[in-house]
N, C-alpha and C. Protein backbone atom coordinates (compact mmCIF):
# COMPACT_ATOMS: atom_id res chain seq x y z
N UNK A 1 143.17 -21.25 -70.50
CA UNK A 1 143.39 -20.92 -71.91
C UNK A 1 142.21 -20.10 -72.40
N UNK A 2 142.51 -19.04 -73.16
CA UNK A 2 141.46 -18.15 -73.62
C UNK A 2 140.60 -18.85 -74.66
N UNK A 3 139.31 -18.53 -74.63
CA UNK A 3 138.39 -19.03 -75.64
C UNK A 3 137.80 -17.84 -76.35
N UNK A 4 137.87 -17.84 -77.66
CA UNK A 4 137.31 -16.77 -78.46
C UNK A 4 135.99 -17.24 -79.04
N UNK A 5 134.99 -16.40 -78.91
CA UNK A 5 133.65 -16.75 -79.37
C UNK A 5 133.26 -15.80 -80.49
N UNK A 6 133.01 -16.35 -81.66
CA UNK A 6 132.67 -15.55 -82.82
C UNK A 6 131.18 -15.64 -83.12
N UNK A 7 130.67 -14.59 -83.75
CA UNK A 7 129.28 -14.60 -84.19
C UNK A 7 129.11 -13.60 -85.32
N UNK A 8 127.99 -13.70 -86.02
CA UNK A 8 127.64 -12.70 -87.02
C UNK A 8 127.69 -13.14 -88.46
N UNK A 9 128.17 -14.33 -88.73
CA UNK A 9 128.22 -14.79 -90.12
C UNK A 9 126.83 -15.10 -90.64
N UNK A 10 126.77 -15.40 -91.95
CA UNK A 10 125.49 -15.75 -92.54
C UNK A 10 125.52 -15.71 -94.04
N UNK A 11 124.34 -15.83 -94.62
CA UNK A 11 124.17 -15.79 -96.07
C UNK A 11 123.54 -14.46 -96.46
N UNK A 12 124.22 -13.73 -97.32
CA UNK A 12 123.72 -12.43 -97.77
C UNK A 12 123.87 -12.33 -99.28
N UNK A 13 123.19 -11.33 -99.83
CA UNK A 13 123.31 -11.07 -101.26
C UNK A 13 124.42 -10.06 -101.52
N UNK A 14 124.95 -10.05 -102.72
CA UNK A 14 125.98 -9.05 -103.05
C UNK A 14 125.48 -7.63 -102.76
N UNK A 15 126.38 -6.83 -102.19
CA UNK A 15 126.05 -5.46 -101.84
C UNK A 15 125.54 -5.28 -100.42
N UNK A 16 125.18 -6.35 -99.77
CA UNK A 16 124.68 -6.26 -98.39
C UNK A 16 125.84 -6.22 -97.39
N UNK A 17 125.46 -6.12 -96.12
CA UNK A 17 126.45 -5.94 -95.05
C UNK A 17 126.28 -6.99 -93.96
N UNK A 18 127.37 -7.23 -93.26
CA UNK A 18 127.38 -8.07 -92.07
C UNK A 18 128.37 -7.48 -91.08
N UNK A 19 128.15 -7.77 -89.81
CA UNK A 19 129.12 -7.42 -88.79
C UNK A 19 129.48 -8.66 -87.99
N UNK A 20 130.76 -8.99 -88.01
CA UNK A 20 131.25 -10.11 -87.23
C UNK A 20 131.73 -9.61 -85.88
N UNK A 21 131.53 -10.44 -84.85
CA UNK A 21 131.97 -10.11 -83.50
C UNK A 21 132.82 -11.25 -82.96
N UNK A 22 133.76 -10.89 -82.12
CA UNK A 22 134.63 -11.88 -81.49
C UNK A 22 134.90 -11.41 -80.06
N UNK A 23 134.55 -12.23 -79.10
CA UNK A 23 134.75 -11.85 -77.70
C UNK A 23 135.55 -12.92 -76.98
N UNK A 24 136.13 -12.51 -75.86
CA UNK A 24 136.94 -13.41 -75.05
C UNK A 24 136.48 -13.31 -73.61
N UNK A 25 135.48 -14.06 -73.24
CA UNK A 25 134.97 -13.99 -71.87
C UNK A 25 136.07 -14.25 -70.85
N UNK A 26 136.19 -13.35 -69.90
CA UNK A 26 137.17 -13.55 -68.84
C UNK A 26 138.55 -13.01 -69.15
N UNK A 27 138.79 -12.52 -70.35
CA UNK A 27 140.09 -11.95 -70.70
C UNK A 27 139.91 -10.49 -71.06
N UNK A 28 140.96 -9.72 -70.81
CA UNK A 28 140.94 -8.30 -71.12
C UNK A 28 141.55 -8.07 -72.49
N UNK A 29 140.84 -7.31 -73.31
CA UNK A 29 141.28 -7.07 -74.68
C UNK A 29 142.25 -5.91 -74.82
N UNK A 30 142.33 -5.06 -73.85
CA UNK A 30 143.00 -3.77 -74.06
C UNK A 30 144.47 -3.92 -74.41
N UNK A 31 145.14 -4.96 -73.98
CA UNK A 31 146.57 -5.11 -74.23
C UNK A 31 146.84 -6.26 -75.18
N UNK A 32 146.03 -6.40 -76.20
CA UNK A 32 146.21 -7.50 -77.14
C UNK A 32 146.15 -7.00 -78.57
N UNK A 33 146.86 -7.69 -79.44
CA UNK A 33 146.75 -7.46 -80.87
C UNK A 33 145.63 -8.34 -81.41
N UNK A 34 144.85 -7.78 -82.35
CA UNK A 34 143.67 -8.49 -82.84
C UNK A 34 143.68 -8.52 -84.36
N UNK A 35 143.11 -9.56 -84.91
CA UNK A 35 143.09 -9.67 -86.36
C UNK A 35 141.92 -10.55 -86.80
N UNK A 36 141.53 -10.35 -88.04
CA UNK A 36 140.57 -11.21 -88.71
C UNK A 36 141.25 -11.84 -89.91
N UNK A 37 141.07 -13.14 -90.05
CA UNK A 37 141.54 -13.89 -91.20
C UNK A 37 140.33 -14.51 -91.89
N UNK A 38 140.55 -14.98 -93.11
CA UNK A 38 139.51 -15.75 -93.77
C UNK A 38 140.13 -16.84 -94.62
N UNK A 39 139.35 -17.88 -94.83
CA UNK A 39 139.81 -18.99 -95.65
C UNK A 39 138.67 -19.46 -96.54
N UNK A 40 138.89 -19.31 -97.82
CA UNK A 40 137.91 -19.77 -98.81
C UNK A 40 138.24 -21.21 -99.20
N UNK A 41 137.26 -21.95 -99.70
CA UNK A 41 137.52 -23.34 -100.09
C UNK A 41 138.66 -23.45 -101.09
N UNK A 42 139.60 -24.32 -100.79
CA UNK A 42 140.72 -24.55 -101.69
C UNK A 42 141.80 -23.49 -101.65
N UNK A 43 141.66 -22.53 -100.75
CA UNK A 43 142.66 -21.45 -100.66
C UNK A 43 143.28 -21.41 -99.27
N UNK A 44 144.42 -20.74 -99.19
CA UNK A 44 145.09 -20.57 -97.92
C UNK A 44 144.40 -19.50 -97.08
N UNK A 45 144.58 -19.61 -95.79
CA UNK A 45 144.04 -18.59 -94.89
C UNK A 45 144.78 -17.28 -95.16
N UNK A 46 144.03 -16.18 -95.24
CA UNK A 46 144.63 -14.88 -95.52
C UNK A 46 144.22 -13.86 -94.47
N UNK A 47 145.11 -12.92 -94.23
CA UNK A 47 144.85 -11.84 -93.29
C UNK A 47 143.93 -10.82 -93.96
N UNK A 48 142.86 -10.48 -93.28
CA UNK A 48 141.90 -9.51 -93.80
C UNK A 48 142.10 -8.14 -93.15
N UNK A 49 142.25 -8.12 -91.84
CA UNK A 49 142.39 -6.85 -91.12
C UNK A 49 143.07 -7.12 -89.79
N UNK A 50 143.78 -6.10 -89.30
CA UNK A 50 144.49 -6.25 -88.03
C UNK A 50 144.48 -4.94 -87.28
N UNK A 51 144.50 -5.05 -85.96
CA UNK A 51 144.44 -3.88 -85.09
C UNK A 51 145.38 -4.11 -83.92
N UNK A 52 146.39 -3.27 -83.81
CA UNK A 52 147.33 -3.39 -82.70
C UNK A 52 146.69 -2.99 -81.39
N UNK A 53 147.33 -3.38 -80.29
CA UNK A 53 146.76 -3.16 -78.96
C UNK A 53 146.55 -1.68 -78.67
N UNK A 54 147.38 -0.81 -79.30
CA UNK A 54 147.26 0.62 -79.02
C UNK A 54 146.10 1.28 -79.76
N UNK A 55 145.47 0.52 -80.66
CA UNK A 55 144.33 1.06 -81.37
C UNK A 55 144.69 2.00 -82.50
N UNK A 56 145.99 2.21 -82.70
CA UNK A 56 146.42 3.20 -83.69
C UNK A 56 146.99 2.57 -84.95
N UNK A 57 147.48 1.39 -84.85
CA UNK A 57 148.05 0.71 -86.01
C UNK A 57 147.00 -0.23 -86.56
N UNK A 58 146.46 0.14 -87.71
CA UNK A 58 145.35 -0.60 -88.31
C UNK A 58 145.74 -1.00 -89.72
N UNK A 59 145.41 -2.24 -90.08
CA UNK A 59 145.71 -2.76 -91.42
C UNK A 59 144.44 -3.36 -92.01
N UNK A 60 144.19 -3.07 -93.27
CA UNK A 60 143.15 -3.74 -94.04
C UNK A 60 143.75 -4.21 -95.35
N UNK A 61 143.47 -5.44 -95.74
CA UNK A 61 143.96 -5.96 -97.01
C UNK A 61 143.41 -5.12 -98.16
N UNK A 62 144.17 -5.04 -99.22
CA UNK A 62 143.74 -4.24 -100.38
C UNK A 62 142.39 -4.70 -100.91
N UNK A 63 142.14 -6.00 -100.83
CA UNK A 63 140.91 -6.55 -101.39
C UNK A 63 139.66 -6.11 -100.63
N UNK A 64 139.84 -5.62 -99.39
CA UNK A 64 138.68 -5.22 -98.59
C UNK A 64 138.73 -3.75 -98.19
N UNK A 65 139.79 -3.07 -98.53
CA UNK A 65 139.96 -1.68 -98.13
C UNK A 65 138.80 -0.83 -98.66
N UNK A 66 138.25 -0.02 -97.77
CA UNK A 66 137.12 0.81 -98.15
C UNK A 66 135.77 0.14 -97.97
N UNK A 67 135.78 -1.18 -97.73
CA UNK A 67 134.53 -1.91 -97.53
C UNK A 67 134.44 -2.53 -96.13
N UNK A 68 135.58 -3.00 -95.61
CA UNK A 68 135.61 -3.64 -94.30
C UNK A 68 136.30 -2.72 -93.30
N UNK A 69 135.89 -2.81 -92.05
CA UNK A 69 136.51 -2.02 -90.99
C UNK A 69 136.64 -2.86 -89.73
N UNK A 70 137.86 -2.94 -89.21
CA UNK A 70 138.09 -3.61 -87.93
C UNK A 70 138.01 -2.57 -86.82
N UNK A 71 137.40 -2.95 -85.72
CA UNK A 71 137.30 -2.04 -84.58
C UNK A 71 137.21 -2.87 -83.31
N UNK A 72 137.27 -2.19 -82.19
CA UNK A 72 137.25 -2.90 -80.90
C UNK A 72 136.40 -2.12 -79.91
N UNK A 73 135.92 -2.83 -78.92
CA UNK A 73 135.28 -2.21 -77.76
C UNK A 73 135.91 -2.87 -76.54
N UNK A 74 136.87 -2.19 -75.95
CA UNK A 74 137.59 -2.80 -74.83
C UNK A 74 136.68 -3.04 -73.63
N UNK A 75 135.69 -2.20 -73.46
CA UNK A 75 134.78 -2.38 -72.33
C UNK A 75 133.99 -3.67 -72.44
N UNK A 76 133.75 -4.10 -73.69
CA UNK A 76 133.00 -5.33 -73.93
C UNK A 76 133.92 -6.50 -74.28
N UNK A 77 135.24 -6.25 -74.28
CA UNK A 77 136.21 -7.29 -74.66
C UNK A 77 135.82 -7.93 -75.98
N UNK A 78 135.52 -7.08 -76.96
CA UNK A 78 135.03 -7.56 -78.24
C UNK A 78 135.73 -6.84 -79.38
N UNK A 79 136.05 -7.58 -80.43
CA UNK A 79 136.58 -7.00 -81.66
C UNK A 79 135.56 -7.28 -82.76
N UNK A 80 135.41 -6.32 -83.65
CA UNK A 80 134.40 -6.41 -84.70
C UNK A 80 135.04 -6.34 -86.09
N UNK A 81 134.34 -6.89 -87.05
CA UNK A 81 134.69 -6.68 -88.46
C UNK A 81 133.40 -6.28 -89.16
N UNK A 82 133.30 -5.00 -89.48
CA UNK A 82 132.16 -4.48 -90.21
C UNK A 82 132.43 -4.69 -91.69
N UNK A 83 131.52 -5.36 -92.37
CA UNK A 83 131.72 -5.71 -93.77
C UNK A 83 130.57 -5.13 -94.59
N UNK A 84 130.91 -4.20 -95.47
CA UNK A 84 129.91 -3.55 -96.32
C UNK A 84 130.16 -3.90 -97.77
N UNK A 85 129.12 -3.71 -98.58
CA UNK A 85 129.24 -3.97 -100.02
C UNK A 85 129.90 -5.32 -100.29
N UNK A 86 129.36 -6.34 -99.67
CA UNK A 86 129.95 -7.67 -99.79
C UNK A 86 129.87 -8.19 -101.22
N UNK A 87 130.89 -8.95 -101.59
CA UNK A 87 131.00 -9.51 -102.93
C UNK A 87 131.08 -11.03 -102.84
N UNK A 88 130.73 -11.73 -103.91
CA UNK A 88 130.82 -13.20 -103.87
C UNK A 88 132.22 -13.69 -103.50
N UNK A 89 133.24 -12.96 -103.89
CA UNK A 89 134.61 -13.38 -103.58
C UNK A 89 134.96 -13.21 -102.11
N UNK A 90 134.08 -12.60 -101.33
CA UNK A 90 134.28 -12.51 -99.89
C UNK A 90 133.81 -13.77 -99.17
N UNK A 91 133.20 -14.68 -99.89
CA UNK A 91 132.72 -15.92 -99.30
C UNK A 91 133.88 -16.72 -98.72
N UNK A 92 133.78 -17.05 -97.44
CA UNK A 92 134.87 -17.75 -96.74
C UNK A 92 134.43 -18.02 -95.30
N UNK A 93 135.24 -18.81 -94.62
CA UNK A 93 135.12 -18.91 -93.16
C UNK A 93 136.03 -17.85 -92.57
N UNK A 94 135.48 -17.04 -91.70
CA UNK A 94 136.21 -15.94 -91.08
C UNK A 94 136.60 -16.32 -89.66
N UNK A 95 137.87 -16.06 -89.32
CA UNK A 95 138.41 -16.39 -88.01
C UNK A 95 138.95 -15.14 -87.35
N UNK A 96 138.67 -14.98 -86.08
CA UNK A 96 139.35 -13.92 -85.34
C UNK A 96 140.56 -14.53 -84.65
N UNK A 97 141.55 -13.68 -84.42
CA UNK A 97 142.78 -14.09 -83.76
C UNK A 97 143.19 -13.00 -82.79
N UNK A 98 143.56 -13.39 -81.59
CA UNK A 98 143.97 -12.44 -80.57
C UNK A 98 145.28 -12.91 -79.97
N UNK A 99 146.20 -11.98 -79.81
CA UNK A 99 147.51 -12.29 -79.24
C UNK A 99 147.74 -11.41 -78.02
N UNK A 100 147.80 -12.04 -76.86
CA UNK A 100 148.10 -11.32 -75.63
C UNK A 100 149.59 -11.32 -75.32
N UNK A 101 150.40 -11.68 -76.31
CA UNK A 101 151.84 -11.74 -76.11
C UNK A 101 152.32 -13.13 -75.74
N UNK A 102 151.42 -14.09 -75.80
CA UNK A 102 151.76 -15.47 -75.46
C UNK A 102 151.41 -16.42 -76.59
N UNK A 103 151.25 -15.85 -77.79
CA UNK A 103 150.85 -16.67 -78.93
C UNK A 103 149.43 -16.36 -79.34
N UNK A 104 149.09 -16.70 -80.57
CA UNK A 104 147.77 -16.39 -81.10
C UNK A 104 146.71 -17.37 -80.61
N UNK A 105 145.58 -16.83 -80.22
CA UNK A 105 144.39 -17.64 -79.95
C UNK A 105 143.43 -17.42 -81.11
N UNK A 106 142.69 -18.48 -81.44
CA UNK A 106 141.81 -18.45 -82.60
C UNK A 106 140.37 -18.73 -82.21
N UNK A 107 139.46 -18.06 -82.93
CA UNK A 107 138.06 -18.38 -82.79
C UNK A 107 137.74 -19.63 -83.58
N UNK A 108 136.49 -20.08 -83.45
CA UNK A 108 136.07 -21.33 -84.09
C UNK A 108 135.74 -21.14 -85.56
N UNK A 109 135.64 -19.89 -85.98
CA UNK A 109 135.31 -19.62 -87.37
C UNK A 109 133.83 -19.42 -87.56
N UNK A 110 133.48 -18.49 -88.45
CA UNK A 110 132.09 -18.25 -88.79
C UNK A 110 131.96 -18.13 -90.30
N UNK A 111 130.98 -18.79 -90.87
CA UNK A 111 130.83 -18.83 -92.32
C UNK A 111 130.14 -17.58 -92.83
N UNK A 112 130.74 -16.98 -93.84
CA UNK A 112 130.13 -15.87 -94.56
C UNK A 112 129.96 -16.30 -96.01
N UNK A 113 128.73 -16.27 -96.49
CA UNK A 113 128.44 -16.66 -97.86
C UNK A 113 127.72 -15.51 -98.56
N UNK A 114 128.29 -15.08 -99.68
CA UNK A 114 127.71 -13.98 -100.45
C UNK A 114 127.27 -14.55 -101.79
N UNK A 115 125.98 -14.57 -102.00
CA UNK A 115 125.45 -15.20 -103.21
C UNK A 115 124.11 -14.58 -103.57
N UNK A 116 123.90 -14.43 -104.88
CA UNK A 116 122.61 -13.94 -105.34
C UNK A 116 121.59 -15.09 -105.41
């Protein structure tokens, strides 16, 4: 069973940046759909960004469009979420999700806190 390893969360001030990473040791990323979700306290998990296996179909939620960017490095079997101009409302636990066509696998989650 695939294991997704996330990193890059932390505490930042409004306007700062973070880059989240998600890797799958031992699995190939090139033929998988990838996504980042987040869940804030008391709220449902929401889709933030998604990237199809072909690298051409990309989605960013309206709330993060222009500030966040999903990308991949197939050679490193890693998917990234670059987050710029962070806002307090971006505070949440962020989860990566990868689907190799056999169902979604989830990372353990990484906390992002944006606070002055």
